[in-house]
Amino acid sequence: MILLVVDTQKGCFDERLYAFETVRNNIKQLITIARENNVEVVYVQHDDGPGTELDKTADNYEIYEEFAPREDEKRFEKNVNSAFHPYDRIDGIP
């Protein structure tokens, strides 16, 4: 079993979101519970390409600070809108 944390980067996860506080608290709680129970936490980040708000060299690309991955947790990069589309390529996955 794993906990998949998708698109929680600084550039797309902030106070503009509906019910931001509730969502933020729920994600933090899920990550904490997963870690306490030795459930692997895996992050998927979106890269929109050079010069964009979600350019992987920009600060906005990084995971929101309150639930940033630990050094030993896996991070995958995607360059399409859906992490679940069967034809999308996600870097790091063979």
N, C-alpha and C. Protein backbone atom coordinates (compact mmCIF):
# COMPACT_ATOMS: atom_id res chain seq x y z
N MET A 1 0.84 -1.16 0.00
CA MET A 1 0.00 0.00 0.00
C MET A 1 0.89 1.24 0.00
N ILE A 2 0.45 2.29 -0.71
CA ILE A 2 1.16 3.56 -0.70
C ILE A 2 0.16 4.71 -0.58
N LEU A 3 0.68 5.85 -0.18
CA LEU A 3 -0.10 7.09 -0.23
C LEU A 3 0.49 7.90 -1.38
N LEU A 4 -0.32 8.23 -2.36
CA LEU A 4 0.10 8.98 -3.53
C LEU A 4 -0.32 10.43 -3.34
N VAL A 5 0.65 11.34 -3.33
CA VAL A 5 0.41 12.76 -3.14
C VAL A 5 0.69 13.45 -4.47
N VAL A 6 -0.35 13.97 -5.11
CA VAL A 6 -0.24 14.48 -6.48
C VAL A 6 -0.52 15.98 -6.51
N ASP A 7 0.35 16.71 -7.25
CA ASP A 7 0.16 18.13 -7.54
C ASP A 7 -0.04 19.00 -6.30
N THR A 8 0.82 18.84 -5.35
CA THR A 8 0.75 19.66 -4.14
C THR A 8 1.94 20.61 -4.10
N GLN A 9 2.25 21.18 -5.24
CA GLN A 9 3.37 22.09 -5.35
C GLN A 9 2.97 23.51 -4.95
N LYS A 10 3.96 24.30 -4.58
CA LYS A 10 3.72 25.68 -4.17
C LYS A 10 2.95 26.46 -5.23
N GLY A 11 3.21 26.20 -6.50
CA GLY A 11 2.58 26.95 -7.58
C GLY A 11 1.12 26.61 -7.83
N CYS A 12 0.64 25.52 -7.28
CA CYS A 12 -0.77 25.15 -7.51
C CYS A 12 -1.50 24.76 -6.23
N PHE A 13 -0.84 24.87 -5.10
CA PHE A 13 -1.48 24.56 -3.83
C PHE A 13 -1.30 25.74 -2.89
N ASP A 14 -2.34 26.57 -2.80
CA ASP A 14 -2.27 27.73 -1.91
C ASP A 14 -3.67 28.16 -1.51
N GLU A 15 -3.76 29.29 -0.85
CA GLU A 15 -5.02 29.78 -0.26
C GLU A 15 -6.12 30.04 -1.28
N ARG A 16 -5.81 30.06 -2.57
CA ARG A 16 -6.84 30.27 -3.60
C ARG A 16 -7.77 29.06 -3.73
N LEU A 17 -7.33 27.93 -3.26
CA LEU A 17 -8.13 26.71 -3.39
C LEU A 17 -9.34 26.73 -2.47
N TYR A 18 -10.41 26.13 -2.93
CA TYR A 18 -11.62 25.99 -2.12
C TYR A 18 -11.30 25.15 -0.89
N ALA A 19 -11.74 25.60 0.26
CA ALA A 19 -11.55 24.89 1.54
C ALA A 19 -10.08 24.57 1.79
N PHE A 20 -9.23 25.53 1.48
CA PHE A 20 -7.78 25.33 1.58
C PHE A 20 -7.35 24.77 2.93
N GLU A 21 -7.80 25.37 4.02
CA GLU A 21 -7.37 24.93 5.35
C GLU A 21 -7.75 23.47 5.62
N THR A 22 -8.96 23.11 5.23
CA THR A 22 -9.43 21.74 5.44
C THR A 22 -8.60 20.76 4.61
N VAL A 23 -8.39 21.09 3.35
CA VAL A 23 -7.61 20.21 2.46
C VAL A 23 -6.18 20.09 2.97
N ARG A 24 -5.58 21.22 3.33
CA ARG A 24 -4.20 21.21 3.85
C ARG A 24 -4.09 20.33 5.09
N ASN A 25 -5.00 20.51 6.02
CA ASN A 25 -4.97 19.71 7.25
C ASN A 25 -5.19 18.23 6.97
N ASN A 26 -6.07 17.91 6.05
CA ASN A 26 -6.32 16.51 5.70
C ASN A 26 -5.09 15.85 5.08
N ILE A 27 -4.42 16.57 4.17
CA ILE A 27 -3.22 16.02 3.55
C ILE A 27 -2.12 15.81 4.59
N LYS A 28 -1.91 16.80 5.44
CA LYS A 28 -0.90 16.67 6.50
C LYS A 28 -1.20 15.47 7.39
N GLN A 29 -2.47 15.30 7.75
CA GLN A 29 -2.85 14.18 8.61
C GLN A 29 -2.63 12.84 7.91
N LEU A 30 -3.01 12.75 6.63
CA LEU A 30 -2.80 11.51 5.88
C LEU A 30 -1.32 11.15 5.79
N ILE A 31 -0.48 12.13 5.52
CA ILE A 31 0.95 11.87 5.43
C ILE A 31 1.50 11.42 6.77
N THR A 32 1.11 12.07 7.83
CA THR A 32 1.56 11.70 9.18
C THR A 32 1.15 10.27 9.52
N ILE A 33 -0.10 9.95 9.28
CA ILE A 33 -0.60 8.60 9.58
C ILE A 33 0.12 7.55 8.73
N ALA A 34 0.33 7.85 7.45
CA ALA A 34 1.04 6.92 6.57
C ALA A 34 2.44 6.66 7.10
N ARG A 35 3.15 7.72 7.41
CA ARG A 35 4.52 7.57 7.91
C ARG A 35 4.56 6.80 9.23
N GLU A 36 3.64 7.09 10.12
CA GLU A 36 3.58 6.38 11.42
C GLU A 36 3.30 4.90 11.25
N ASN A 37 2.65 4.54 10.15
CA ASN A 37 2.27 3.14 9.92
C ASN A 37 3.12 2.48 8.83
N ASN A 38 4.27 3.08 8.55
CA ASN A 38 5.22 2.54 7.56
C ASN A 38 4.59 2.33 6.19
N VAL A 39 3.68 3.21 5.83
CA VAL A 39 3.10 3.21 4.49
C VAL A 39 3.95 4.15 3.63
N GLU A 40 4.37 3.68 2.49
CA GLU A 40 5.21 4.49 1.61
C GLU A 40 4.44 5.71 1.10
N VAL A 41 5.08 6.87 1.16
CA VAL A 41 4.50 8.11 0.64
C VAL A 41 5.24 8.45 -0.64
N VAL A 42 4.50 8.61 -1.75
CA VAL A 42 5.07 8.88 -3.06
C VAL A 42 4.47 10.18 -3.59
N TYR A 43 5.32 11.05 -4.12
CA TYR A 43 4.89 12.35 -4.63
C TYR A 43 4.98 12.40 -6.14
N VAL A 44 3.99 13.05 -6.77
CA VAL A 44 4.01 13.29 -8.21
C VAL A 44 3.92 14.80 -8.40
N GLN A 45 4.92 15.34 -9.13
CA GLN A 45 4.98 16.77 -9.38
C GLN A 45 4.78 17.05 -10.87
N HIS A 46 4.16 18.20 -11.14
CA HIS A 46 3.91 18.60 -12.53
C HIS A 46 4.95 19.61 -12.99
N ASP A 47 5.54 19.36 -14.16
CA ASP A 47 6.47 20.28 -14.79
C ASP A 47 5.83 20.79 -16.07
N ASP A 48 5.54 22.10 -16.12
CA ASP A 48 4.93 22.71 -17.32
C ASP A 48 5.96 23.13 -18.36
N GLY A 49 7.23 23.00 -18.03
CA GLY A 49 8.28 23.34 -18.98
C GLY A 49 8.96 24.66 -18.67
N PRO A 50 10.07 24.91 -19.37
CA PRO A 50 10.88 26.10 -19.13
C PRO A 50 10.07 27.40 -19.25
N GLY A 51 10.33 28.30 -18.30
CA GLY A 51 9.71 29.62 -18.35
C GLY A 51 8.29 29.69 -17.82
N THR A 52 7.73 28.57 -17.35
CA THR A 52 6.37 28.57 -16.84
C THR A 52 6.38 28.67 -15.32
N GLU A 53 5.20 28.86 -14.76
CA GLU A 53 5.07 28.95 -13.30
C GLU A 53 5.47 27.65 -12.61
N LEU A 54 5.31 26.53 -13.31
CA LEU A 54 5.68 25.22 -12.74
C LEU A 54 6.90 24.63 -13.46
N ASP A 55 7.83 25.49 -13.81
CA ASP A 55 9.11 25.07 -14.37
C ASP A 55 9.88 24.37 -13.24
N LYS A 56 10.46 23.21 -13.53
CA LYS A 56 11.11 22.45 -12.46
C LYS A 56 12.32 23.15 -11.85
N THR A 57 12.76 24.26 -12.43
CA THR A 57 13.85 25.03 -11.83
C THR A 57 13.32 26.17 -10.95
N ALA A 58 12.00 26.36 -10.91
CA ALA A 58 11.38 27.45 -10.15
C ALA A 58 10.99 27.00 -8.74
N ASP A 59 10.92 27.95 -7.83
CA ASP A 59 10.51 27.65 -6.46
C ASP A 59 9.09 27.09 -6.42
N ASN A 60 8.21 27.56 -7.30
CA ASN A 60 6.82 27.09 -7.36
C ASN A 60 6.72 25.60 -7.66
N TYR A 61 7.76 25.02 -8.22
CA TYR A 61 7.78 23.60 -8.55
C TYR A 61 7.89 22.71 -7.30
N GLU A 62 8.47 23.25 -6.25
CA GLU A 62 8.70 22.47 -5.03
C GLU A 62 7.38 22.16 -4.31
N ILE A 63 7.38 21.04 -3.61
CA ILE A 63 6.20 20.62 -2.85
C ILE A 63 5.94 21.62 -1.73
N TYR A 64 4.67 21.90 -1.47
CA TYR A 64 4.26 22.79 -0.40
C TYR A 64 4.98 22.39 0.89
N GLU A 65 5.55 23.37 1.58
CA GLU A 65 6.45 23.12 2.71
C GLU A 65 5.89 22.22 3.80
N GLU A 66 4.62 22.36 4.11
CA GLU A 66 4.04 21.65 5.25
C GLU A 66 3.93 20.14 5.04
N PHE A 67 4.03 19.70 3.81
CA PHE A 67 4.05 18.25 3.59
C PHE A 67 5.08 17.85 2.54
N ALA A 68 6.20 18.50 2.60
CA ALA A 68 7.30 18.18 1.69
C ALA A 68 7.82 16.77 1.94
N PRO A 69 8.28 16.12 0.89
CA PRO A 69 8.78 14.75 1.05
C PRO A 69 10.06 14.70 1.87
N ARG A 70 10.21 13.59 2.55
CA ARG A 70 11.47 13.32 3.24
C ARG A 70 12.48 12.89 2.19
N GLU A 71 13.73 12.90 2.57
CA GLU A 71 14.79 12.56 1.62
C GLU A 71 14.65 11.15 1.04
N ASP A 72 14.11 10.22 1.81
CA ASP A 72 13.99 8.83 1.36
C ASP A 72 12.68 8.55 0.62
N GLU A 73 11.82 9.54 0.47
CA GLU A 73 10.53 9.33 -0.21
C GLU A 73 10.66 9.63 -1.70
N LYS A 74 9.98 8.83 -2.50
CA LYS A 74 10.08 8.94 -3.96
C LYS A 74 9.30 10.13 -4.49
N ARG A 75 9.87 10.74 -5.54
CA ARG A 75 9.23 11.85 -6.25
C ARG A 75 9.29 11.54 -7.73
N PHE A 76 8.15 11.68 -8.39
CA PHE A 76 8.07 11.48 -9.83
C PHE A 76 7.61 12.77 -10.48
N GLU A 77 8.03 12.96 -11.69
CA GLU A 77 7.69 14.16 -12.44
C GLU A 77 6.81 13.79 -13.62
N LYS A 78 5.78 14.61 -13.85
CA LYS A 78 4.92 14.43 -15.02
C LYS A 78 4.88 15.74 -15.78
N ASN A 79 4.60 15.65 -17.06
CA ASN A 79 4.51 16.87 -17.87
C ASN A 79 3.19 16.95 -18.63
N VAL A 80 2.20 16.23 -18.14
CA VAL A 80 0.83 16.29 -18.66
C VAL A 80 -0.11 16.50 -17.48
N ASN A 81 -1.33 16.92 -17.75
CA ASN A 81 -2.24 17.29 -16.66
C ASN A 81 -2.65 16.14 -15.76
N SER A 82 -2.73 14.93 -16.27
CA SER A 82 -3.22 13.81 -15.47
C SER A 82 -2.11 12.84 -15.10
N ALA A 83 -2.04 12.49 -13.83
CA ALA A 83 -1.07 11.47 -13.40
C ALA A 83 -1.63 10.07 -13.63
N PHE A 84 -2.87 9.97 -14.11
CA PHE A 84 -3.54 8.68 -14.21
C PHE A 84 -3.89 8.27 -15.64
N HIS A 85 -3.65 9.13 -16.61
CA HIS A 85 -3.95 8.81 -18.01
C HIS A 85 -3.02 7.70 -18.46
N PRO A 86 -3.54 6.63 -19.07
CA PRO A 86 -2.71 5.48 -19.40
C PRO A 86 -1.64 5.75 -20.46
N TYR A 87 -1.76 6.85 -21.21
CA TYR A 87 -0.80 7.12 -22.26
C TYR A 87 0.24 8.17 -21.85
N ASP A 88 0.12 8.68 -20.65
CA ASP A 88 1.05 9.70 -20.19
C ASP A 88 2.34 9.05 -19.73
N ARG A 89 3.42 9.77 -19.89
CA ARG A 89 4.73 9.30 -19.43
C ARG A 89 5.07 10.05 -18.16
N ILE A 90 5.45 9.33 -17.14
CA ILE A 90 5.88 9.93 -15.89
C ILE A 90 7.33 9.55 -15.68
N ASP A 91 8.22 10.54 -15.61
CA ASP A 91 9.63 10.27 -15.41
C ASP A 91 9.85 9.51 -14.12
N GLY A 92 10.72 8.53 -14.16
CA GLY A 92 11.04 7.75 -12.99
C GLY A 92 10.34 6.40 -12.99
N ILE A 93 9.33 6.25 -13.82
CA ILE A 93 8.60 4.99 -13.90
C ILE A 93 9.04 4.27 -15.18
N PRO A 94 9.53 3.07 -15.05
CA PRO A 94 10.02 2.32 -16.24
C PRO A 94 8.90 2.01 -17.21
